[in-house]
C-alpha atoms as a PDB file:
ATOM      1  CA  MET A   1     -54.892 -90.369 -19.148  1.00  0.00           C
ATOM      2  CA  LYS A   2     -51.707 -89.676 -16.965  1.00  0.00           C
ATOM      3  CA  LYS A   3     -50.605 -87.083 -19.529  1.00  0.00           C
ATOM      4  CA  ARG A   4     -54.231 -85.082 -19.173  1.00  0.00           C
ATOM      5  CA  ILE A   5     -53.850 -85.364 -15.541  1.00  0.00           C
ATOM      6  CA  LEU A   6     -50.142 -83.722 -15.550  1.00  0.00           C
ATOM      7  CA  SER A   7     -51.861 -81.225 -17.953  1.00  0.00           C
ATOM      8  CA  ILE A   8     -54.434 -80.409 -15.055  1.00  0.00           C
ATOM      9  CA  LEU A   9     -51.600 -80.040 -12.482  1.00  0.00           C
ATOM     10  CA  ILE A  10     -49.575 -77.520 -14.176  1.00  0.00           C
ATOM     11  CA  LEU A  11     -52.616 -75.867 -15.210  1.00  0.00           C
ATOM     12  CA  CYS A  12     -53.721 -75.398 -11.723  1.00  0.00           C
ATOM     13  CA  LEU A  13     -50.108 -74.403 -10.262  1.00  0.00           C
ATOM     14  CA  VAL A  14     -49.839 -71.788 -12.831  1.00  0.00           C
ATOM     15  CA  SER A  15     -52.951 -70.458 -11.723  1.00  0.00           C
ATOM     16  CA  VAL A  16     -52.095 -70.386  -8.045  1.00  0.00           C
ATOM     17  CA  MET A  17     -48.666 -68.851  -8.837  1.00  0.00           C
ATOM     18  CA  ILE A  18     -50.548 -65.960 -10.826  1.00  0.00           C
ATOM     19  CA  ILE A  19     -53.118 -65.264  -7.962  1.00  0.00           C
ATOM     20  CA  THR A  20     -50.331 -65.034  -5.599  1.00  0.00           C
ATOM     21  CA  GLY A  21     -48.152 -62.926  -7.662  1.00  0.00           C
ATOM     22  CA  CYS A  22     -50.961 -60.446  -8.107  1.00  0.00           C
ATOM     23  CA  SER A  23     -52.092 -60.147  -4.544  1.00  0.00           C
ATOM     24  CA  ALA A  24     -48.050 -59.890  -3.299  1.00  0.00           C
ATOM     25  CA  GLY A  25     -47.660 -56.628  -3.494  1.00  0.00           C
ATOM     26  CA  GLU A  26     -50.900 -55.956  -1.874  1.00  0.00           C
ATOM     27  CA  LYS A  27     -50.374 -58.115   1.051  1.00  0.00           C
ATOM     28  CA  SER A  28     -46.563 -58.530   1.613  1.00  0.00           C
ATOM     29  CA  GLY A  29     -46.260 -56.744   5.082  1.00  0.00           C
ATOM     30  CA  ILE A  30     -44.905 -53.836   3.552  1.00  0.00           C
ATOM     31  CA  GLU A  31     -47.437 -51.162   3.771  1.00  0.00           C
ATOM     32  CA  PRO A  32     -46.718 -47.435   1.468  1.00  0.00           C
ATOM     33  CA  PRO A  33     -46.310 -44.944   3.947  1.00  0.00           C
ATOM     34  CA  SER A  34     -49.177 -42.510   4.097  1.00  0.00           C
ATOM     35  CA  GLU A  35     -48.425 -38.858   3.423  1.00  0.00           C
ATOM     36  CA  THR A  36     -47.878 -37.481   7.195  1.00  0.00           C
ATOM     37  CA  GLU A  37     -45.562 -40.267   7.289  1.00  0.00           C
ATOM     38  CA  VAL A  38     -43.182 -39.125   4.489  1.00  0.00           C
ATOM     39  CA  GLN A  39     -40.200 -37.274   5.400  1.00  0.00           C
ATOM     40  CA  LYS A  40     -39.522 -34.459   3.257  1.00  0.00           C
ATOM     41  CA  PRO A  41     -35.719 -32.960   2.874  1.00  0.00           C
ATOM     42  CA  THR A  42     -35.049 -30.925   5.368  1.00  0.00           C
ATOM     43  CA  GLU A  43     -34.518 -26.982   3.988  1.00  0.00           C
ATOM     44  CA  VAL A  44     -31.550 -25.461   4.981  1.00  0.00           C
ATOM     45  CA  PRO A  45     -32.041 -21.839   5.871  1.00  0.00           C
ATOM     46  CA  THR A  46     -30.176 -19.669   4.062  1.00  0.00           C
ATOM     47  CA  GLU A  47     -27.894 -17.067   5.716  1.00  0.00           C
ATOM     48  CA  THR A  48     -28.967 -13.202   4.836  1.00  0.00           C
ATOM     49  CA  GLU A  49     -26.950 -10.628   5.863  1.00  0.00           C
ATOM     50  CA  GLU A  50     -28.163  -8.101   8.175  1.00  0.00           C
ATOM     51  CA  PRO A  51     -28.118  -4.473   6.199  1.00  0.00           C
ATOM     52  CA  ALA A  52     -25.753  -2.012   7.089  1.00  0.00           C
ATOM     53  CA  PRO A  53     -27.075   0.685   9.496  1.00  0.00           C
ATOM     54  CA  GLU A  54     -27.331   4.147   8.474  1.00  0.00           C
ATOM     55  CA  SER A  55     -24.720   5.099  10.526  1.00  0.00           C
ATOM     56  CA  TYR A  56     -22.055   3.759  12.611  1.00  0.00           C
ATOM     57  CA  ILE A  57     -18.682   5.113  14.320  1.00  0.00           C
ATOM     58  CA  ILE A  58     -15.918   3.007  15.770  1.00  0.00           C
ATOM     59  CA  GLU A  59     -15.855   4.736  19.255  1.00  0.00           C
ATOM     60  CA  ASP A  60     -12.658   5.720  21.277  1.00  0.00           C
ATOM     61  CA  VAL A  61     -10.260   6.036  18.719  1.00  0.00           C
ATOM     62  CA  GLU A  62      -6.824   7.628  19.760  1.00  0.00           C
ATOM     63  CA  VAL A  63      -5.874  10.218  17.127  1.00  0.00           C
ATOM     64  CA  ILE A  64      -2.274  10.310  17.090  1.00  0.00           C
ATOM     65  CA  PRO A  65      -0.881  14.065  15.971  1.00  0.00           C
ATOM     66  CA  GLN A  66       1.548  14.268  13.228  1.00  0.00           C
ATOM     67  CA  LYS A  67       4.206  15.925  14.595  1.00  0.00           C
ATOM     68  CA  ASP A  68       7.689  14.662  14.043  1.00  0.00           C
ATOM     69  CA  LEU A  69       7.006  12.189  11.202  1.00  0.00           C
ATOM     70  CA  LYS A  70       6.281  14.777   8.683  1.00  0.00           C
ATOM     71  CA  ALA A  71       6.182  12.429   6.111  1.00  0.00           C
ATOM     72  CA  GLY A  72       4.941   9.653   7.936  1.00  0.00           C
ATOM     73  CA  CYS A  73       0.989   9.783   7.139  1.00  0.00           C
ATOM     74  CA  GLU A  74       0.974   6.288   6.370  1.00  0.00           C
ATOM     75  CA  THR A  75       2.699   5.210   9.436  1.00  0.00           C
ATOM     76  CA  TYR A  76       0.226   7.190  11.791  1.00  0.00           C
ATOM     77  CA  ALA A  77      -2.427   5.872   9.846  1.00  0.00           C
ATOM     78  CA  CYS A  78      -1.294   2.111  10.231  1.00  0.00           C
ATOM     79  CA  THR A  79      -0.221   3.064  14.062  1.00  0.00           C
ATOM     80  CA  MET A  80      -3.815   4.020  14.804  1.00  0.00           C
ATOM     81  CA  LEU A  81      -5.416   1.292  13.028  1.00  0.00           C
ATOM     82  CA  LEU A  82      -3.032  -1.382  14.982  1.00  0.00           C
ATOM     83  CA  ARG A  83      -3.855   0.096  18.119  1.00  0.00           C
ATOM     84  CA  ILE A  84      -7.716   0.186  17.500  1.00  0.00           C
ATOM     85  CA  LEU A  85      -7.241  -3.631  17.054  1.00  0.00           C
ATOM     86  CA  GLY A  86      -5.596  -4.035  20.498  1.00  0.00           C
ATOM     87  CA  PHE A  87      -1.847  -3.800  19.542  1.00  0.00           C
ATOM     88  CA  ASP A  88       0.374  -1.777  21.787  1.00  0.00           C
ATOM     89  CA  LEU A  89       2.938   0.150  19.420  1.00  0.00           C
ATOM     90  CA  ASN A  90       3.616   3.593  18.802  1.00  0.00           C
ATOM     91  CA  GLU A  91       4.425   5.408  15.188  1.00  0.00           C
ATOM     92  CA  TYR A  92       8.376   5.662  16.203  1.00  0.00           C
ATOM     93  CA  TYR A  93       8.772   2.204  16.946  1.00  0.00           C
ATOM     94  CA  PHE A  94       6.868   1.144  13.553  1.00  0.00           C
ATOM     95  CA  ALA A  95       8.764   3.764  11.344  1.00  0.00           C
ATOM     96  CA  ASP A  96      12.096   2.537  12.612  1.00  0.00           C
ATOM     97  CA  ASN A  97      11.731  -0.772  12.474  1.00  0.00           C
ATOM     98  CA  TYR A  98       9.505  -1.895   9.722  1.00  0.00           C
ATOM     99  CA  VAL A  99       9.389   0.818   7.093  1.00  0.00           C
ATOM    100  CA  GLU A 100      11.457  -0.061   4.582  1.00  0.00           C
ATOM    101  CA  VAL A 101      12.880   2.825   2.654  1.00  0.00           C
ATOM    102  CA  GLN A 102      14.465   3.539  -0.528  1.00  0.00           C
ATOM    103  CA  TRP A 103      16.217   6.883  -0.827  1.00  0.00           C
ATOM    104  CA  PRO A 104      16.093   8.479  -3.748  1.00  0.00           C
ATOM    105  CA  TYR A 105      19.265  10.228  -5.527  1.00  0.00           C
ATOM    106  CA  TRP A 106      20.104  12.970  -8.075  1.00  0.00           C
ATOM    107  CA  ASP A 107      22.220  12.676 -10.754  1.00  0.00           C
ATOM    108  CA  GLU A 108      24.877  15.633 -11.928  1.00  0.00           C
ATOM    109  CA  ASN A 109      21.937  16.840 -14.048  1.00  0.00           C
ATOM    110  CA  GLY A 110      19.482  17.163 -11.741  1.00  0.00           C
ATOM    111  CA  ASN A 111      17.510  14.262 -12.393  1.00  0.00           C
ATOM    112  CA  MET A 112      15.731  12.457  -9.858  1.00  0.00           C
ATOM    113  CA  TYR A 113      15.954   8.303  -9.464  1.00  0.00           C
ATOM    114  CA  ALA A 114      13.722   6.717  -6.644  1.00  0.00           C
ATOM    115  CA  ALA A 115      11.558   3.948  -6.190  1.00  0.00           C
ATOM    116  CA  ASP A 116       8.079   3.071  -7.276  1.00  0.00           C
ATOM    117  CA  MET A 117       5.786   3.992  -4.428  1.00  0.00           C
ATOM    118  CA  TYR A 118       4.141   0.735  -4.454  1.00  0.00           C
ATOM    119  CA  SER A 119       7.122  -1.163  -3.742  1.00  0.00           C
ATOM    120  CA  ALA A 120       8.729   1.355  -0.893  1.00  0.00           C
ATOM    121  CA  SER A 121       8.984   3.870   0.560  1.00  0.00           C
ATOM    122  CA  VAL A 122      10.251   6.942  -0.836  1.00  0.00           C
ATOM    123  CA  GLY A 123      12.449   8.366   1.581  1.00  0.00           C
ATOM    124  CA  SER A 124      11.664   7.646   5.490  1.00  0.00           C
ATOM    125  CA  PRO A 125       8.533   8.693   7.470  1.00  0.00           C
ATOM    126  CA  TYR A 126      10.419  11.493   8.852  1.00  0.00           C
ATOM    127  CA  SER A 127      11.646  13.123   5.806  1.00  0.00           C
ATOM    128  CA  GLY A 128      10.389  11.589   2.380  1.00  0.00           C
ATOM    129  CA  TRP A 129       7.568  11.346  -0.182  1.00  0.00           C
ATOM    130  CA  GLY A 130       5.437   8.238   1.193  1.00  0.00           C
ATOM    131  CA  VAL A 131       4.520   4.731   0.102  1.00  0.00           C
ATOM    132  CA  TYR A 132       1.286   3.053  -1.125  1.00  0.00           C
ATOM    133  CA  ALA A 133      -1.162   0.362   0.045  1.00  0.00           C
ATOM    134  CA  PRO A 134       0.574  -2.955  -1.424  1.00  0.00           C
ATOM    135  CA  ALA A 135       4.723  -1.812   0.316  1.00  0.00           C
ATOM    136  CA  MET A 136       2.717  -0.341   3.433  1.00  0.00           C
ATOM    137  CA  ALA A 137       0.792  -3.910   3.982  1.00  0.00           C
ATOM    138  CA  ARG A 138       3.973  -5.767   3.763  1.00  0.00           C
ATOM    139  CA  PHE A 139       5.595  -3.623   6.469  1.00  0.00           C
ATOM    140  CA  MET A 140       2.319  -4.201   8.493  1.00  0.00           C
ATOM    141  CA  ASN A 141       2.546  -7.894   8.346  1.00  0.00           C
ATOM    142  CA  HIS A 142       6.073  -7.799   8.974  1.00  0.00           C
ATOM    143  CA  TYR A 143       4.784  -6.317  12.327  1.00  0.00           C
ATOM    144  CA  LEU A 144       2.014  -8.899  12.604  1.00  0.00           C
ATOM    145  CA  SER A 145       4.275 -11.959  12.149  1.00  0.00           C
ATOM    146  CA  ASP A 146       6.642 -10.698  14.874  1.00  0.00           C
ATOM    147  CA  GLN A 147       3.813 -10.248  17.255  1.00  0.00           C
ATOM    148  CA  LYS A 148       2.440 -13.875  16.533  1.00  0.00           C
ATOM    149  CA  SER A 149      -0.749 -12.541  15.352  1.00  0.00           C
ATOM    150  CA  LYS A 150      -2.877 -14.497  12.990  1.00  0.00           C
ATOM    151  CA  LEU A 151      -4.172 -11.043  11.506  1.00  0.00           C
ATOM    152  CA  LYS A 152      -3.017  -9.976   8.071  1.00  0.00           C
ATOM    153  CA  ALA A 153      -2.961  -6.705   6.500  1.00  0.00           C
ATOM    154  CA  THR A 154      -4.297  -7.113   2.842  1.00  0.00           C
ATOM    155  CA  SER A 155      -4.120  -4.025   0.169  1.00  0.00           C
ATOM    156  CA  TYR A 156      -7.012  -3.508  -2.388  1.00  0.00           C
ATOM    157  CA  GLU A 157      -7.869  -1.354  -4.998  1.00  0.00           C
ATOM    158  CA  ASN A 158     -10.835  -0.010  -6.826  1.00  0.00           C
ATOM    159  CA  ILE A 159     -13.607  -0.901  -3.638  1.00  0.00           C
ATOM    160  CA  PRO A 160     -15.645   2.344  -3.575  1.00  0.00           C
ATOM    161  CA  LEU A 161     -15.847   3.784   0.191  1.00  0.00           C
ATOM    162  CA  ASP A 162     -19.603   2.861   0.715  1.00  0.00           C
ATOM    163  CA  GLU A 163     -18.689  -0.648  -0.205  1.00  0.00           C
ATOM    164  CA  LEU A 164     -15.758  -0.492   2.401  1.00  0.00           C
ATOM    165  CA  CYS A 165     -18.193   0.778   5.342  1.00  0.00           C
ATOM    166  CA  GLU A 166     -20.490  -1.882   4.263  1.00  0.00           C
ATOM    167  CA  LYS A 167     -18.259  -4.779   4.452  1.00  0.00           C
ATOM    168  CA  TYR A 168     -15.745  -3.682   7.100  1.00  0.00           C
ATOM    169  CA  VAL A 169     -16.186  -0.335   9.170  1.00  0.00           C
ATOM    170  CA  CYS A 170     -19.887  -1.010  10.359  1.00  0.00           C
ATOM    171  CA  LYS A 171     -18.521  -4.339  11.569  1.00  0.00           C
ATOM    172  CA  GLY A 172     -15.702  -2.351  13.575  1.00  0.00           C
ATOM    173  CA  ILE A 173     -13.190  -3.144  11.378  1.00  0.00           C
ATOM    174  CA  PRO A 174     -11.099   0.203  10.369  1.00  0.00           C
ATOM    175  CA  VAL A 175      -9.691   0.549   7.098  1.00  0.00           C
ATOM    176  CA  MET A 176      -6.786   2.766   5.934  1.00  0.00           C
ATOM    177  CA  ILE A 177      -6.907   4.828   2.631  1.00  0.00           C
ATOM    178  CA  TRP A 178      -5.110   7.253   0.733  1.00  0.00           C
ATOM    179  CA  ALA A 179      -6.895  10.509  -0.200  1.00  0.00           C
ATOM    180  CA  THR A 180      -5.427  13.921   0.302  1.00  0.00           C
ATOM    181  CA  THR A 181      -4.776  16.210   3.209  1.00  0.00           C
ATOM    182  CA  ALA A 182      -8.093  18.090   4.131  1.00  0.00           C
ATOM    183  CA  MET A 183      -9.298  16.663   0.778  1.00  0.00           C
ATOM    184  CA  LEU A 184      -7.771  19.350  -0.825  1.00  0.00           C
ATOM    185  CA  GLU A 185      -7.354  18.788  -4.527  1.00  0.00           C
ATOM    186  CA  PRO A 186      -3.793  16.885  -5.792  1.00  0.00           C
ATOM    187  CA  TYR A 187      -1.705  18.024  -8.092  1.00  0.00           C
ATOM    188  CA  VAL A 188       2.004  16.149  -9.701  1.00  0.00           C
ATOM    189  CA  LYS A 189       4.386  17.887  -7.696  1.00  0.00           C
ATOM    190  CA  ASP A 190       7.573  15.747  -8.452  1.00  0.00           C
ATOM    191  CA  THR A 191       8.461  13.203 -10.934  1.00  0.00           C
ATOM    192  CA  TRP A 192      11.353  10.618 -10.916  1.00  0.00           C
ATOM    193  CA  THR A 193      13.007   7.971 -12.964  1.00  0.00           C
ATOM    194  CA  VAL A 194      12.100   4.455 -11.334  1.00  0.00           C
ATOM    195  CA  ASN A 195      15.303   2.763 -10.070  1.00  0.00           C
ATOM    196  CA  TYR A 196      13.665   0.240  -7.877  1.00  0.00           C
ATOM    197  CA  VAL A 197      10.621  -1.957  -8.098  1.00  0.00           C
ATOM    198  CA  ASP A 198       9.259  -4.945  -6.709  1.00  0.00           C
ATOM    199  CA  GLU A 199       6.046  -7.985  -7.359  1.00  0.00           C
ATOM    200  CA  ASN A 200       3.718  -4.869  -6.690  1.00  0.00           C
ATOM    201  CA  ALA A 201       4.999  -2.150  -8.717  1.00  0.00           C
ATOM    202  CA  LYS A 202       3.062  -0.528 -11.275  1.00  0.00           C
ATOM    203  CA  ALA A 203       5.980   0.685 -13.154  1.00  0.00           C
ATOM    204  CA  LYS A 204       9.367  -0.453 -14.735  1.00  0.00           C
ATOM    205  CA  ILE A 205      12.734   0.303 -14.172  1.00  0.00           C
ATOM    206  CA  GLY A 206      13.562   3.328 -15.978  1.00  0.00           C
ATOM    207  CA  ASP A 207       9.653   4.676 -16.015  1.00  0.00           C
ATOM    208  CA  SER A 208       8.822   8.054 -15.199  1.00  0.00           C
ATOM    209  CA  PHE A 209       6.790   7.994 -11.802  1.00  0.00           C
ATOM    210  CA  SER A 210       5.137  11.153 -10.363  1.00  0.00           C
ATOM    211  CA  TRP A 211       4.193  11.773  -6.566  1.00  0.00           C
ATOM    212  CA  TRP A 212       1.335  13.725  -5.900  1.00  0.00           C
ATOM    213  CA  GLU A 213       1.183  17.237  -3.685  1.00  0.00           C
ATOM    214  CA  HIS A 214      -1.479  16.749  -0.615  1.00  0.00           C
ATOM    215  CA  GLU A 215      -1.048  12.783  -0.837  1.00  0.00           C
ATOM    216  CA  HIS A 216      -2.659  11.754   2.373  1.00  0.00           C
ATOM    217  CA  CYS A 217      -3.308   8.331   4.679  1.00  0.00           C
ATOM    218  CA  LEU A 218      -6.490   8.435   7.048  1.00  0.00           C
ATOM    219  CA  VAL A 219      -8.163   5.505   8.808  1.00  0.00           C
ATOM    220  CA  LEU A 220     -11.640   5.456   7.741  1.00  0.00           C
ATOM    221  CA  ILE A 221     -13.821   5.144  11.234  1.00  0.00           C
ATOM    222  CA  GLY A 222     -16.860   5.830  10.405  1.00  0.00           C
ATOM    223  CA  TYR A 223     -20.013   7.645   8.283  1.00  0.00           C
ATOM    224  CA  ASP A 224     -23.232   8.657   8.042  1.00  0.00           C
ATOM    225  CA  GLU A 225     -25.932   9.700   5.456  1.00  0.00           C
ATOM    226  CA  GLU A 226     -23.657  12.482   4.226  1.00  0.00           C
ATOM    227  CA  ASP A 227     -20.279  12.400   5.520  1.00  0.00           C
ATOM    228  CA  TYR A 228     -16.718   9.829   6.451  1.00  0.00           C
ATOM    229  CA  TYR A 229     -15.309  10.001   9.524  1.00  0.00           C
ATOM    230  CA  PHE A 230     -11.163   9.508   9.643  1.00  0.00           C
ATOM    231  CA  ALA A 231      -8.891   9.140  12.147  1.00  0.00           C
ATOM    232  CA  ASP A 232      -6.932  11.654  10.280  1.00  0.00           C
ATOM    233  CA  SER A 233      -3.115  12.462  11.909  1.00  0.00           C
ATOM    234  CA  PHE A 234      -2.577  15.618  10.008  1.00  0.00           C
ATOM    235  CA  SER A 235      -5.995  17.553  11.667  1.00  0.00           C
ATOM    236  CA  GLU A 236      -5.300  15.553  15.187  1.00  0.00           C
ATOM    237  CA  THR A 237      -8.873  14.468  15.646  1.00  0.00           C
ATOM    238  CA  VAL A 238     -11.662  12.951  13.867  1.00  0.00           C
ATOM    239  CA  SER A 239     -11.952  14.603  10.821  1.00  0.00           C
ATOM    240  CA  VAL A 240     -15.519  14.433   9.162  1.00  0.00           C
ATOM    241  CA  PHE A 241     -15.765  15.359   5.103  1.00  0.00           C
ATOM    242  CA  GLU A 242     -18.538  15.116   2.670  1.00  0.00           C
ATOM    243  CA  LYS A 243     -18.919  11.635   1.091  1.00  0.00           C
ATOM    244  CA  GLU A 244     -18.728  12.463  -2.740  1.00  0.00           C
ATOM    245  CA  LEU A 245     -15.646  14.825  -1.780  1.00  0.00           C
ATOM    246  CA  CYS A 246     -14.289  11.861  -0.555  1.00  0.00           C
ATOM    247  CA  GLN A 247     -14.973   9.501  -2.915  1.00  0.00           C
ATOM    248  CA  THR A 248     -13.166  11.798  -5.693  1.00  0.00           C
ATOM    249  CA  ARG A 249      -9.796  12.368  -3.681  1.00  0.00           C
ATOM    250  CA  TYR A 250      -9.637   8.510  -3.139  1.00  0.00           C
ATOM    251  CA  GLU A 251     -10.094   7.752  -6.591  1.00  0.00           C
ATOM    252  CA  GLN A 252      -7.688  10.596  -7.324  1.00  0.00           C
ATOM    253  CA  MET A 253      -5.317   8.650  -5.225  1.00  0.00           C
ATOM    254  CA  PHE A 254      -5.861   5.246  -7.326  1.00  0.00           C
ATOM    255  CA  SER A 255      -8.605   3.828  -4.810  1.00  0.00           C
ATOM    256  CA  GLN A 256      -5.980   2.201  -2.724  1.00  0.00           C
ATOM    257  CA  CYS A 257      -6.890   0.577   0.864  1.00  0.00           C
ATOM    258  CA  ILE A 258      -5.493  -1.399   3.675  1.00  0.00           C
ATOM    259  CA  VAL A 259      -7.857  -3.897   5.649  1.00  0.00           C
ATOM    260  CA  VAL A 260      -6.263  -5.888   8.548  1.00  0.00           C
ATOM    261  CA  GLN A 261      -8.666  -9.225   9.436  1.00  0.00           C
END
């Protein structure tokens, strides 16, 4: 009899537990949120760049005429660029204090020996052949460091002119580019044996290196649908040249440029 009563009590207890368990999810006091109360993840808006304007020019650029520094188009260009950015300097100060010169020499047979132009200036801005973008950027960074500036000059290759305009010029950032005087066709004028290189060199000691007649450095300051605009020491004014011609001359001078940011 006692066993039967005990069995009945256990059966009742289990029934109560099952009933309570089934209703616990319904009446636990935690109501499921309604659809309006569910907080959806916050969507971070993606940044979309404004398209470049169809035309743009950096205003009030002072063009420095190329007079005393007969071989110093790169020095004139970097001086104009730095002045656009607010620095107070002239071409003579930069040439005399920051351009690292490697003078060429000739042996008894008339063979010329000189630096790789990516590594140093061959001759001086007063009388020489010139210098290419990586070495020029190094000279500019020495100046910027002395001015305690956080800006840095960086040389680039193979960026098309239209992309330079889209990335930099239309935002007020001038760009030094290598092309030719008056966009004339370049041709090899002098060739020498390389006797100086650094980490930026394209040649090795003993290789041949050629200098191209009409090589010229300008500051790209604007564009429109048909033309590019340059601060041009040779023309002593803002020069305007047709886009396709500029791109061709730029590529012939190895598509090199400098941006200071």
